[in-house]
Amino acid sequence: MDVLQLDISGRPQSWISTKEAAVLYASDAVAWTLGEPCHVLRGGTQRITGLQSRIELHPIIAVRGSVPTRAWRQSPALSNPKLFARDRHVCAYCGHAFHADLLTREHIQPVSRQGRDTWMNCITACRGCNGRKGNRTPEEAHMTLLYLPYVPSLHEDMILRGRRILADQMEFLLACVPRSSRLYPT
């Protein structure tokens, strides 16, 4: 289980391990939490009180301090797992859903023709459609895109990272995802 770390204003920063979260709790760096405690860490027995120390971890924690604003202007890193998840494992040309092993990152404007490896130039395609399109644009190959690419928001990117997301975490992230997003449950 991972904990969703936010900055003090509520913007997602990263997924952290329970061990990393415990360090933040112990160093009094947690400003506020969301969700019901999801994990309890137990420590040693205190000599004076005789009580065992314990830390209850919440699924979402906000950490004191600030994050440079430039960090929020960058688009998320592009990877095949995140691209395939953004596109729901559906080929943009034939519309069929495939297992990730049968999908490819397809460049709408081919890289060999000055196309860039960006969210806005990449879509998910099955191996057959990608091979059929080859080194052409969709128009040249007479292949129509069934959906358009887009750059995921910060909240969408946190979902796309493919972690096991707890209900409280998903509810928090989806609250900031537009209903028009492909990630929004249908």
N, C-alpha and C. Protein backbone atom coordinates (compact mmCIF):
# COMPACT_ATOMS: atom_id res chain seq x y z
N MET A 1 0.84 -1.17 0.00
CA MET A 1 0.00 0.00 0.00
C MET A 1 0.89 1.24 0.00
N ASP A 2 0.54 2.21 -0.85
CA ASP A 2 1.25 3.47 -0.90
C ASP A 2 0.34 4.58 -0.37
N VAL A 3 0.97 5.64 0.08
CA VAL A 3 0.26 6.80 0.61
C VAL A 3 0.39 7.92 -0.41
N LEU A 4 -0.70 8.64 -0.65
CA LEU A 4 -0.68 9.77 -1.56
C LEU A 4 -0.22 11.00 -0.78
N GLN A 5 0.92 11.55 -1.17
CA GLN A 5 1.47 12.72 -0.51
C GLN A 5 1.06 13.97 -1.28
N LEU A 6 0.51 14.94 -0.55
CA LEU A 6 0.10 16.22 -1.13
C LEU A 6 0.97 17.33 -0.56
N ASP A 7 0.98 18.47 -1.25
CA ASP A 7 1.59 19.64 -0.61
C ASP A 7 0.51 20.24 0.29
N ILE A 8 0.85 21.27 1.01
CA ILE A 8 -0.07 21.82 2.02
C ILE A 8 -1.35 22.37 1.39
N SER A 9 -1.29 22.75 0.08
CA SER A 9 -2.47 23.29 -0.58
C SER A 9 -3.36 22.19 -1.17
N GLY A 10 -2.91 20.94 -1.10
CA GLY A 10 -3.72 19.83 -1.58
C GLY A 10 -3.36 19.32 -2.97
N ARG A 11 -2.26 19.80 -3.54
CA ARG A 11 -1.82 19.30 -4.85
C ARG A 11 -1.01 18.03 -4.66
N PRO A 12 -1.30 16.99 -5.43
CA PRO A 12 -0.53 15.74 -5.31
C PRO A 12 0.95 15.98 -5.63
N GLN A 13 1.80 15.35 -4.81
CA GLN A 13 3.24 15.43 -5.04
C GLN A 13 3.79 14.09 -5.52
N SER A 14 3.42 13.02 -4.80
CA SER A 14 3.96 11.71 -5.17
C SER A 14 3.26 10.62 -4.39
N TRP A 15 3.55 9.39 -4.81
CA TRP A 15 3.16 8.20 -4.05
C TRP A 15 4.36 7.85 -3.19
N ILE A 16 4.15 7.63 -1.90
CA ILE A 16 5.26 7.28 -1.01
C ILE A 16 4.92 5.99 -0.28
N SER A 17 5.95 5.33 0.18
CA SER A 17 5.77 4.07 0.92
C SER A 17 5.28 4.36 2.33
N THR A 18 4.77 3.34 3.00
CA THR A 18 4.33 3.51 4.38
C THR A 18 5.52 3.90 5.27
N LYS A 19 6.68 3.39 4.96
CA LYS A 19 7.89 3.74 5.73
C LYS A 19 8.21 5.23 5.58
N GLU A 20 8.13 5.74 4.36
CA GLU A 20 8.38 7.17 4.13
C GLU A 20 7.31 8.01 4.84
N ALA A 21 6.07 7.56 4.81
CA ALA A 21 4.99 8.28 5.50
C ALA A 21 5.23 8.30 7.00
N ALA A 22 5.68 7.18 7.55
CA ALA A 22 5.93 7.11 9.00
C ALA A 22 7.00 8.12 9.41
N VAL A 23 8.02 8.30 8.57
CA VAL A 23 9.06 9.29 8.87
C VAL A 23 8.46 10.69 8.90
N LEU A 24 7.55 10.97 7.97
CA LEU A 24 6.91 12.29 7.95
C LEU A 24 6.05 12.51 9.20
N TYR A 25 5.30 11.47 9.60
CA TYR A 25 4.50 11.57 10.83
C TYR A 25 5.41 11.80 12.03
N ALA A 26 6.47 11.00 12.13
CA ALA A 26 7.36 11.07 13.30
C ALA A 26 8.10 12.40 13.39
N SER A 27 8.36 13.02 12.25
CA SER A 27 9.07 14.30 12.25
C SER A 27 8.11 15.49 12.27
N ASP A 28 6.85 15.22 12.50
CA ASP A 28 5.80 16.25 12.59
C ASP A 28 5.71 17.09 11.32
N ALA A 29 5.90 16.45 10.18
CA ALA A 29 5.83 17.15 8.90
C ALA A 29 4.45 17.05 8.26
N VAL A 30 3.54 16.26 8.85
CA VAL A 30 2.21 16.09 8.29
C VAL A 30 1.31 17.22 8.79
N ALA A 31 0.77 18.01 7.86
CA ALA A 31 -0.09 19.14 8.21
C ALA A 31 -1.53 18.69 8.42
N TRP A 32 -2.02 17.82 7.55
CA TRP A 32 -3.38 17.31 7.67
C TRP A 32 -3.50 16.01 6.88
N THR A 33 -4.57 15.28 7.14
CA THR A 33 -4.77 13.98 6.50
C THR A 33 -6.20 13.87 5.98
N LEU A 34 -6.41 12.92 5.10
CA LEU A 34 -7.75 12.60 4.60
C LEU A 34 -7.93 11.09 4.63
N GLY A 35 -9.16 10.66 4.81
CA GLY A 35 -9.47 9.24 4.81
C GLY A 35 -9.29 8.61 6.17
N GLU A 36 -9.86 7.45 6.30
CA GLU A 36 -9.73 6.69 7.55
C GLU A 36 -8.35 6.06 7.61
N PRO A 37 -7.78 5.92 8.82
CA PRO A 37 -6.47 5.25 8.92
C PRO A 37 -6.51 3.90 8.21
N CYS A 38 -5.47 3.62 7.44
CA CYS A 38 -5.45 2.40 6.63
C CYS A 38 -4.32 1.46 7.02
N HIS A 39 -3.45 1.91 7.89
CA HIS A 39 -2.31 1.07 8.27
C HIS A 39 -1.81 1.55 9.64
N VAL A 40 -1.47 0.61 10.50
CA VAL A 40 -0.95 0.95 11.82
C VAL A 40 0.46 0.37 11.95
N LEU A 41 1.39 1.22 12.31
CA LEU A 41 2.76 0.78 12.57
C LEU A 41 2.98 0.81 14.07
N ARG A 42 3.53 -0.27 14.58
CA ARG A 42 3.78 -0.36 16.03
C ARG A 42 5.29 -0.37 16.27
N GLY A 43 5.67 0.36 17.33
CA GLY A 43 7.09 0.45 17.67
C GLY A 43 7.38 -0.19 19.00
N GLY A 44 8.40 0.32 19.65
CA GLY A 44 8.82 -0.23 20.94
C GLY A 44 7.97 0.29 22.08
N THR A 45 8.25 -0.23 23.27
CA THR A 45 7.53 0.18 24.48
C THR A 45 8.27 1.33 25.13
N GLN A 46 7.52 2.37 25.48
CA GLN A 46 8.10 3.53 26.13
C GLN A 46 8.42 3.19 27.59
N ARG A 47 9.61 3.52 28.02
CA ARG A 47 10.06 3.17 29.35
C ARG A 47 9.23 3.87 30.44
N ILE A 48 8.90 5.12 30.23
CA ILE A 48 8.20 5.88 31.26
C ILE A 48 6.74 5.46 31.38
N THR A 49 6.05 5.37 30.26
CA THR A 49 4.60 5.07 30.30
C THR A 49 4.30 3.59 30.22
N GLY A 50 5.20 2.83 29.66
CA GLY A 50 4.95 1.41 29.46
C GLY A 50 4.05 1.12 28.27
N LEU A 51 3.71 2.15 27.50
CA LEU A 51 2.84 1.99 26.33
C LEU A 51 3.67 1.75 25.08
N GLN A 52 3.11 0.96 24.19
CA GLN A 52 3.77 0.71 22.91
C GLN A 52 3.47 1.89 21.98
N SER A 53 4.50 2.37 21.29
CA SER A 53 4.28 3.48 20.36
C SER A 53 3.58 2.95 19.11
N ARG A 54 2.76 3.81 18.52
CA ARG A 54 2.06 3.42 17.30
C ARG A 54 1.78 4.65 16.46
N ILE A 55 1.79 4.45 15.16
CA ILE A 55 1.47 5.51 14.21
C ILE A 55 0.37 4.98 13.30
N GLU A 56 -0.74 5.71 13.25
CA GLU A 56 -1.82 5.37 12.34
C GLU A 56 -1.61 6.16 11.06
N LEU A 57 -1.45 5.45 9.94
CA LEU A 57 -1.22 6.11 8.66
C LEU A 57 -2.55 6.28 7.93
N HIS A 58 -2.73 7.45 7.36
CA HIS A 58 -3.91 7.75 6.54
C HIS A 58 -3.53 7.57 5.07
N PRO A 59 -4.50 7.32 4.21
CA PRO A 59 -4.18 7.10 2.79
C PRO A 59 -3.71 8.35 2.07
N ILE A 60 -4.06 9.53 2.62
CA ILE A 60 -3.69 10.79 2.00
C ILE A 60 -3.13 11.71 3.09
N ILE A 61 -1.92 12.22 2.85
CA ILE A 61 -1.32 13.14 3.82
C ILE A 61 -0.82 14.40 3.11
N ALA A 62 -1.03 15.53 3.75
CA ALA A 62 -0.48 16.80 3.25
C ALA A 62 0.73 17.14 4.09
N VAL A 63 1.80 17.51 3.40
CA VAL A 63 3.08 17.77 4.06
C VAL A 63 3.35 19.26 4.11
N ARG A 64 3.86 19.71 5.25
CA ARG A 64 4.21 21.13 5.41
C ARG A 64 5.31 21.51 4.43
N GLY A 65 5.34 22.78 4.08
CA GLY A 65 6.36 23.27 3.15
C GLY A 65 5.74 23.64 1.83
N SER A 66 6.57 24.11 0.91
CA SER A 66 6.06 24.53 -0.39
C SER A 66 6.81 23.81 -1.49
N VAL A 67 6.19 23.83 -2.65
CA VAL A 67 6.77 23.21 -3.84
C VAL A 67 6.92 24.32 -4.88
N PRO A 68 8.04 24.37 -5.58
CA PRO A 68 8.21 25.41 -6.60
C PRO A 68 7.07 25.36 -7.63
N THR A 69 6.56 26.53 -8.01
CA THR A 69 5.43 26.56 -8.94
C THR A 69 5.80 26.00 -10.30
N ARG A 70 7.05 26.05 -10.70
CA ARG A 70 7.43 25.52 -12.01
C ARG A 70 7.17 24.02 -12.10
N ALA A 71 7.16 23.34 -10.96
CA ALA A 71 6.92 21.90 -10.96
C ALA A 71 5.52 21.57 -11.47
N TRP A 72 4.58 22.51 -11.38
CA TRP A 72 3.21 22.26 -11.80
C TRP A 72 2.95 22.68 -13.23
N ARG A 73 3.95 23.24 -13.88
CA ARG A 73 3.78 23.68 -15.27
C ARG A 73 4.24 22.62 -16.25
N GLN A 74 4.95 21.63 -15.79
CA GLN A 74 5.47 20.60 -16.68
C GLN A 74 4.41 19.54 -16.93
N SER A 75 4.44 19.00 -18.16
CA SER A 75 3.51 17.91 -18.42
C SER A 75 4.10 16.62 -17.86
N PRO A 76 3.25 15.67 -17.50
CA PRO A 76 3.75 14.42 -16.91
C PRO A 76 4.63 13.65 -17.89
N ALA A 77 5.53 12.87 -17.36
CA ALA A 77 6.40 12.04 -18.20
C ALA A 77 5.55 11.03 -18.96
N LEU A 78 5.91 10.83 -20.22
CA LEU A 78 5.19 9.89 -21.08
C LEU A 78 5.84 8.51 -20.98
N SER A 79 5.02 7.50 -20.74
CA SER A 79 5.50 6.11 -20.75
C SER A 79 4.41 5.26 -21.38
N ASN A 80 4.80 4.10 -21.91
CA ASN A 80 3.80 3.23 -22.53
C ASN A 80 2.71 2.80 -21.55
N PRO A 81 3.03 2.35 -20.34
CA PRO A 81 1.94 1.96 -19.43
C PRO A 81 0.95 3.09 -19.16
N LYS A 82 1.46 4.32 -18.99
CA LYS A 82 0.56 5.44 -18.73
C LYS A 82 -0.22 5.81 -19.99
N LEU A 83 0.41 5.75 -21.15
CA LEU A 83 -0.28 6.03 -22.41
C LEU A 83 -1.41 5.02 -22.63
N PHE A 84 -1.10 3.74 -22.45
CA PHE A 84 -2.12 2.70 -22.66
C PHE A 84 -3.27 2.86 -21.67
N ALA A 85 -2.95 3.22 -20.43
CA ALA A 85 -4.01 3.43 -19.43
C ALA A 85 -4.85 4.65 -19.79
N ARG A 86 -4.19 5.74 -20.25
CA ARG A 86 -4.94 6.93 -20.67
C ARG A 86 -5.95 6.57 -21.75
N ASP A 87 -5.53 5.73 -22.69
CA ASP A 87 -6.37 5.36 -23.82
C ASP A 87 -7.19 4.10 -23.57
N ARG A 88 -7.21 3.64 -22.31
CA ARG A 88 -8.00 2.48 -21.87
C ARG A 88 -7.68 1.20 -22.64
N HIS A 89 -6.45 1.07 -23.09
CA HIS A 89 -5.99 -0.11 -23.82
C HIS A 89 -6.77 -0.34 -25.10
N VAL A 90 -7.27 0.75 -25.69
CA VAL A 90 -8.07 0.67 -26.91
C VAL A 90 -7.26 1.25 -28.07
N CYS A 91 -7.19 0.52 -29.16
CA CYS A 91 -6.50 0.99 -30.36
C CYS A 91 -7.26 2.19 -30.93
N ALA A 92 -6.54 3.26 -31.23
CA ALA A 92 -7.16 4.48 -31.75
C ALA A 92 -7.63 4.33 -33.19
N TYR A 93 -7.25 3.24 -33.86
CA TYR A 93 -7.64 3.05 -35.26
C TYR A 93 -8.77 2.03 -35.41
N CYS A 94 -8.64 0.86 -34.79
CA CYS A 94 -9.67 -0.17 -34.98
C CYS A 94 -10.70 -0.19 -33.85
N GLY A 95 -10.37 0.43 -32.72
CA GLY A 95 -11.31 0.53 -31.61
C GLY A 95 -11.42 -0.70 -30.73
N HIS A 96 -10.58 -1.69 -30.95
CA HIS A 96 -10.61 -2.90 -30.12
C HIS A 96 -9.70 -2.74 -28.90
N ALA A 97 -10.10 -3.37 -27.81
CA ALA A 97 -9.29 -3.36 -26.58
C ALA A 97 -8.30 -4.53 -26.64
N PHE A 98 -7.09 -4.29 -26.17
CA PHE A 98 -6.03 -5.29 -26.21
C PHE A 98 -5.28 -5.33 -24.88
N HIS A 99 -4.62 -6.44 -24.62
CA HIS A 99 -3.68 -6.54 -23.51
C HIS A 99 -2.47 -5.68 -23.86
N ALA A 100 -1.82 -5.14 -22.86
CA ALA A 100 -0.67 -4.24 -23.08
C ALA A 100 0.41 -4.86 -23.96
N ASP A 101 0.59 -6.17 -23.90
CA ASP A 101 1.62 -6.83 -24.71
C ASP A 101 1.35 -6.72 -26.21
N LEU A 102 0.11 -6.45 -26.58
CA LEU A 102 -0.27 -6.38 -27.99
C LEU A 102 -0.43 -4.94 -28.48
N LEU A 103 -0.06 -3.98 -27.63
CA LEU A 103 -0.21 -2.57 -27.98
C LEU A 103 1.14 -1.91 -28.24
N THR A 104 1.09 -0.81 -28.98
CA THR A 104 2.29 -0.03 -29.27
C THR A 104 2.00 1.45 -29.07
N ARG A 105 3.08 2.20 -28.89
CA ARG A 105 2.98 3.67 -28.87
C ARG A 105 3.04 4.11 -30.33
N GLU A 106 1.97 4.69 -30.80
CA GLU A 106 1.87 5.12 -32.19
C GLU A 106 2.01 6.63 -32.27
N HIS A 107 2.89 7.09 -33.13
CA HIS A 107 3.10 8.52 -33.34
C HIS A 107 2.23 8.97 -34.51
N ILE A 108 1.33 9.90 -34.25
CA ILE A 108 0.43 10.37 -35.30
C ILE A 108 1.26 10.97 -36.44
N GLN A 109 2.15 11.89 -36.11
CA GLN A 109 3.13 12.38 -37.07
C GLN A 109 4.40 11.57 -36.81
N PRO A 110 4.79 10.69 -37.73
CA PRO A 110 5.93 9.80 -37.48
C PRO A 110 7.20 10.55 -37.03
N VAL A 111 7.93 9.95 -36.13
CA VAL A 111 9.17 10.54 -35.62
C VAL A 111 10.16 10.76 -36.76
N SER A 112 10.18 9.84 -37.73
CA SER A 112 11.10 9.98 -38.87
C SER A 112 10.73 11.17 -39.76
N ARG A 113 9.54 11.74 -39.51
CA ARG A 113 9.09 12.90 -40.29
C ARG A 113 8.87 14.10 -39.36
N GLN A 114 9.76 14.24 -38.40
CA GLN A 114 9.80 15.34 -37.44
C GLN A 114 8.64 15.32 -36.43
N GLY A 115 8.00 14.19 -36.27
CA GLY A 115 6.99 14.05 -35.21
C GLY A 115 7.69 13.95 -33.87
N ARG A 116 7.07 14.46 -32.83
CA ARG A 116 7.69 14.46 -31.51
C ARG A 116 7.09 13.37 -30.64
N ASP A 117 7.86 12.94 -29.67
CA ASP A 117 7.42 11.91 -28.72
C ASP A 117 6.76 12.61 -27.54
N THR A 118 5.53 13.11 -27.77
CA THR A 118 4.80 13.86 -26.76
C THR A 118 3.40 13.26 -26.60
N TRP A 119 2.74 13.64 -25.50
CA TRP A 119 1.38 13.18 -25.25
C TRP A 119 0.45 13.55 -26.41
N MET A 120 0.65 14.71 -27.01
CA MET A 120 -0.26 15.18 -28.06
C MET A 120 0.02 14.55 -29.42
N ASN A 121 1.13 13.85 -29.57
CA ASN A 121 1.44 13.19 -30.84
C ASN A 121 1.38 11.67 -30.71
N CYS A 122 1.07 11.17 -29.53
CA CYS A 122 1.07 9.72 -29.32
C CYS A 122 -0.31 9.21 -28.94
N ILE A 123 -0.64 8.07 -29.51
CA ILE A 123 -1.88 7.37 -29.17
C ILE A 123 -1.55 5.88 -29.05
N THR A 124 -2.49 5.12 -28.56
CA THR A 124 -2.34 3.68 -28.44
C THR A 124 -2.83 3.02 -29.71
N ALA A 125 -2.05 2.07 -30.23
CA ALA A 125 -2.46 1.33 -31.43
C ALA A 125 -2.07 -0.13 -31.26
N CYS A 126 -2.89 -1.00 -31.82
CA CYS A 126 -2.53 -2.42 -31.81
C CYS A 126 -1.38 -2.60 -32.82
N ARG A 127 -0.68 -3.70 -32.71
CA ARG A 127 0.47 -3.94 -33.59
C ARG A 127 0.05 -3.97 -35.06
N GLY A 128 -1.10 -4.56 -35.34
CA GLY A 128 -1.57 -4.65 -36.72
C GLY A 128 -1.83 -3.28 -37.33
N CYS A 129 -2.55 -2.44 -36.63
CA CYS A 129 -2.85 -1.09 -37.14
C CYS A 129 -1.59 -0.24 -37.25
N ASN A 130 -0.70 -0.36 -36.27
CA ASN A 130 0.54 0.41 -36.32
C ASN A 130 1.36 0.00 -37.53
N GLY A 131 1.43 -1.30 -37.81
CA GLY A 131 2.16 -1.78 -38.97
C GLY A 131 1.52 -1.33 -40.27
N ARG A 132 0.20 -1.34 -40.32
CA ARG A 132 -0.52 -0.93 -41.53
C ARG A 132 -0.31 0.57 -41.81
N LYS A 133 -0.30 1.39 -40.75
CA LYS A 133 -0.09 2.83 -40.92
C LYS A 133 1.34 3.11 -41.36
N GLY A 134 2.28 2.38 -40.76
CA GLY A 134 3.68 2.54 -41.14
C GLY A 134 4.20 3.94 -40.92
N ASN A 135 4.97 4.41 -41.86
CA ASN A 135 5.65 5.71 -41.77
C ASN A 135 4.83 6.81 -42.46
N ARG A 136 3.51 6.73 -42.28
CA ARG A 136 2.64 7.73 -42.91
C ARG A 136 1.80 8.42 -41.84
N THR A 137 1.18 9.51 -42.20
CA THR A 137 0.21 10.14 -41.32
C THR A 137 -1.10 9.36 -41.44
N PRO A 138 -2.01 9.52 -40.49
CA PRO A 138 -3.30 8.82 -40.62
C PRO A 138 -4.02 9.17 -41.92
N GLU A 139 -3.93 10.41 -42.36
CA GLU A 139 -4.59 10.82 -43.60
C GLU A 139 -3.98 10.09 -44.80
N GLU A 140 -2.66 10.02 -44.84
CA GLU A 140 -1.98 9.34 -45.95
C GLU A 140 -2.31 7.85 -45.97
N ALA A 141 -2.49 7.27 -44.79
CA ALA A 141 -2.79 5.84 -44.69
C ALA A 141 -4.30 5.56 -44.78
N HIS A 142 -5.10 6.61 -44.91
CA HIS A 142 -6.57 6.49 -44.94
C HIS A 142 -7.09 5.77 -43.70
N MET A 143 -6.53 6.16 -42.54
CA MET A 143 -6.94 5.61 -41.25
C MET A 143 -7.43 6.76 -40.37
N THR A 144 -8.62 6.60 -39.82
CA THR A 144 -9.22 7.65 -39.00
C THR A 144 -8.96 7.39 -37.53
N LEU A 145 -8.60 8.45 -36.82
CA LEU A 145 -8.44 8.35 -35.36
C LEU A 145 -9.82 8.32 -34.72
N LEU A 146 -10.05 7.35 -33.84
CA LEU A 146 -11.33 7.23 -33.16
C LEU A 146 -11.41 8.13 -31.93
N TYR A 147 -10.26 8.57 -31.44
CA TYR A 147 -10.21 9.51 -30.32
C TYR A 147 -8.95 10.35 -30.48
N LEU A 148 -8.94 11.48 -29.82
CA LEU A 148 -7.81 12.40 -29.92
C LEU A 148 -6.91 12.28 -28.70
N PRO A 149 -5.64 12.55 -28.87
CA PRO A 149 -4.72 12.53 -27.72
C PRO A 149 -4.93 13.76 -26.85
N TYR A 150 -4.49 13.68 -25.61
CA TYR A 150 -4.50 14.85 -24.72
C TYR A 150 -3.41 14.65 -23.67
N VAL A 151 -3.02 15.75 -23.05
CA VAL A 151 -2.02 15.72 -21.98
C VAL A 151 -2.77 15.52 -20.67
N PRO A 152 -2.47 14.46 -19.93
CA PRO A 152 -3.14 14.23 -18.65
C PRO A 152 -2.81 15.33 -17.63
N SER A 153 -3.80 15.65 -16.82
CA SER A 153 -3.58 16.60 -15.73
C SER A 153 -2.74 15.93 -14.65
N LEU A 154 -2.32 16.71 -13.69
CA LEU A 154 -1.55 16.19 -12.57
C LEU A 154 -2.32 15.08 -11.85
N HIS A 155 -3.62 15.29 -11.62
CA HIS A 155 -4.43 14.30 -10.92
C HIS A 155 -4.60 13.03 -11.76
N GLU A 156 -4.79 13.19 -13.07
CA GLU A 156 -4.89 12.03 -13.96
C GLU A 156 -3.57 11.26 -13.97
N ASP A 157 -2.45 11.99 -13.98
CA ASP A 157 -1.14 11.34 -13.98
C ASP A 157 -0.95 10.48 -12.74
N MET A 158 -1.42 10.95 -11.59
CA MET A 158 -1.29 10.15 -10.36
C MET A 158 -2.08 8.84 -10.49
N ILE A 159 -3.22 8.88 -11.17
CA ILE A 159 -4.02 7.67 -11.40
C ILE A 159 -3.32 6.78 -12.42
N LEU A 160 -2.75 7.37 -13.46
CA LEU A 160 -2.12 6.61 -14.54
C LEU A 160 -0.86 5.86 -14.12
N ARG A 161 -0.29 6.24 -13.00
CA ARG A 161 0.96 5.61 -12.58
C ARG A 161 0.80 4.13 -12.23
N GLY A 162 -0.43 3.64 -12.26
CA GLY A 162 -0.67 2.20 -12.17
C GLY A 162 -0.54 1.59 -10.81
N ARG A 163 -0.67 2.35 -9.79
CA ARG A 163 -0.58 1.82 -8.44
C ARG A 163 -1.92 1.25 -8.01
N ARG A 164 -1.89 0.48 -6.94
CA ARG A 164 -3.14 0.03 -6.33
C ARG A 164 -3.66 1.20 -5.51
N ILE A 165 -4.71 1.82 -5.99
CA ILE A 165 -5.22 3.04 -5.38
C ILE A 165 -6.40 2.70 -4.47
N LEU A 166 -6.32 3.15 -3.24
CA LEU A 166 -7.41 2.92 -2.28
C LEU A 166 -8.60 3.82 -2.62
N ALA A 167 -9.77 3.45 -2.15
CA ALA A 167 -11.00 4.18 -2.48
C ALA A 167 -10.90 5.66 -2.09
N ASP A 168 -10.39 5.96 -0.89
CA ASP A 168 -10.26 7.35 -0.46
C ASP A 168 -9.34 8.13 -1.40
N GLN A 169 -8.26 7.50 -1.83
CA GLN A 169 -7.32 8.15 -2.73
C GLN A 169 -7.95 8.40 -4.10
N MET A 170 -8.66 7.39 -4.62
CA MET A 170 -9.30 7.53 -5.93
C MET A 170 -10.37 8.62 -5.89
N GLU A 171 -11.15 8.64 -4.83
CA GLU A 171 -12.19 9.66 -4.69
C GLU A 171 -11.57 11.06 -4.70
N PHE A 172 -10.47 11.23 -3.97
CA PHE A 172 -9.78 12.53 -3.93
C PHE A 172 -9.27 12.92 -5.31
N LEU A 173 -8.60 12.00 -6.00
CA LEU A 173 -8.03 12.31 -7.30
C LEU A 173 -9.11 12.57 -8.35
N LEU A 174 -10.15 11.75 -8.35
CA LEU A 174 -11.22 11.92 -9.35
C LEU A 174 -12.00 13.21 -9.15
N ALA A 175 -12.02 13.75 -7.94
CA ALA A 175 -12.73 15.01 -7.70
C ALA A 175 -12.14 16.16 -8.52
N CYS A 176 -10.88 16.01 -8.94
CA CYS A 176 -10.21 17.05 -9.72
C CYS A 176 -10.03 16.67 -11.19
N VAL A 177 -10.62 15.56 -11.59
CA VAL A 177 -10.53 15.10 -12.97
C VAL A 177 -11.84 15.46 -13.67
N PRO A 178 -11.77 16.10 -14.84
CA PRO A 178 -13.01 16.45 -15.53
C PRO A 178 -13.79 15.20 -15.94
N ARG A 179 -15.10 15.30 -15.91
CA ARG A 179 -15.94 14.15 -16.28
C ARG A 179 -15.72 13.71 -17.72
N SER A 180 -15.16 14.60 -18.53
CA SER A 180 -14.88 14.25 -19.93
C SER A 180 -13.61 13.41 -20.09
N SER A 181 -12.86 13.24 -19.01
CA SER A 181 -11.61 12.47 -19.07
C SER A 181 -11.91 11.01 -19.35
N ARG A 182 -11.03 10.37 -20.10
CA ARG A 182 -11.17 8.92 -20.35
C ARG A 182 -10.96 8.10 -19.08
N LEU A 183 -10.36 8.73 -18.06
CA LEU A 183 -10.12 8.02 -16.81
C LEU A 183 -11.33 8.01 -15.90
N TYR A 184 -12.27 8.89 -16.17
CA TYR A 184 -13.45 8.98 -15.31
C TYR A 184 -14.28 7.72 -15.51
N PRO A 185 -14.68 7.07 -14.40
CA PRO A 185 -15.46 5.83 -14.53
C PRO A 185 -16.75 6.08 -15.31
N THR A 186 -17.08 5.12 -16.17
CA THR A 186 -18.30 5.25 -16.97
C THR A 186 -19.42 4.45 -16.37
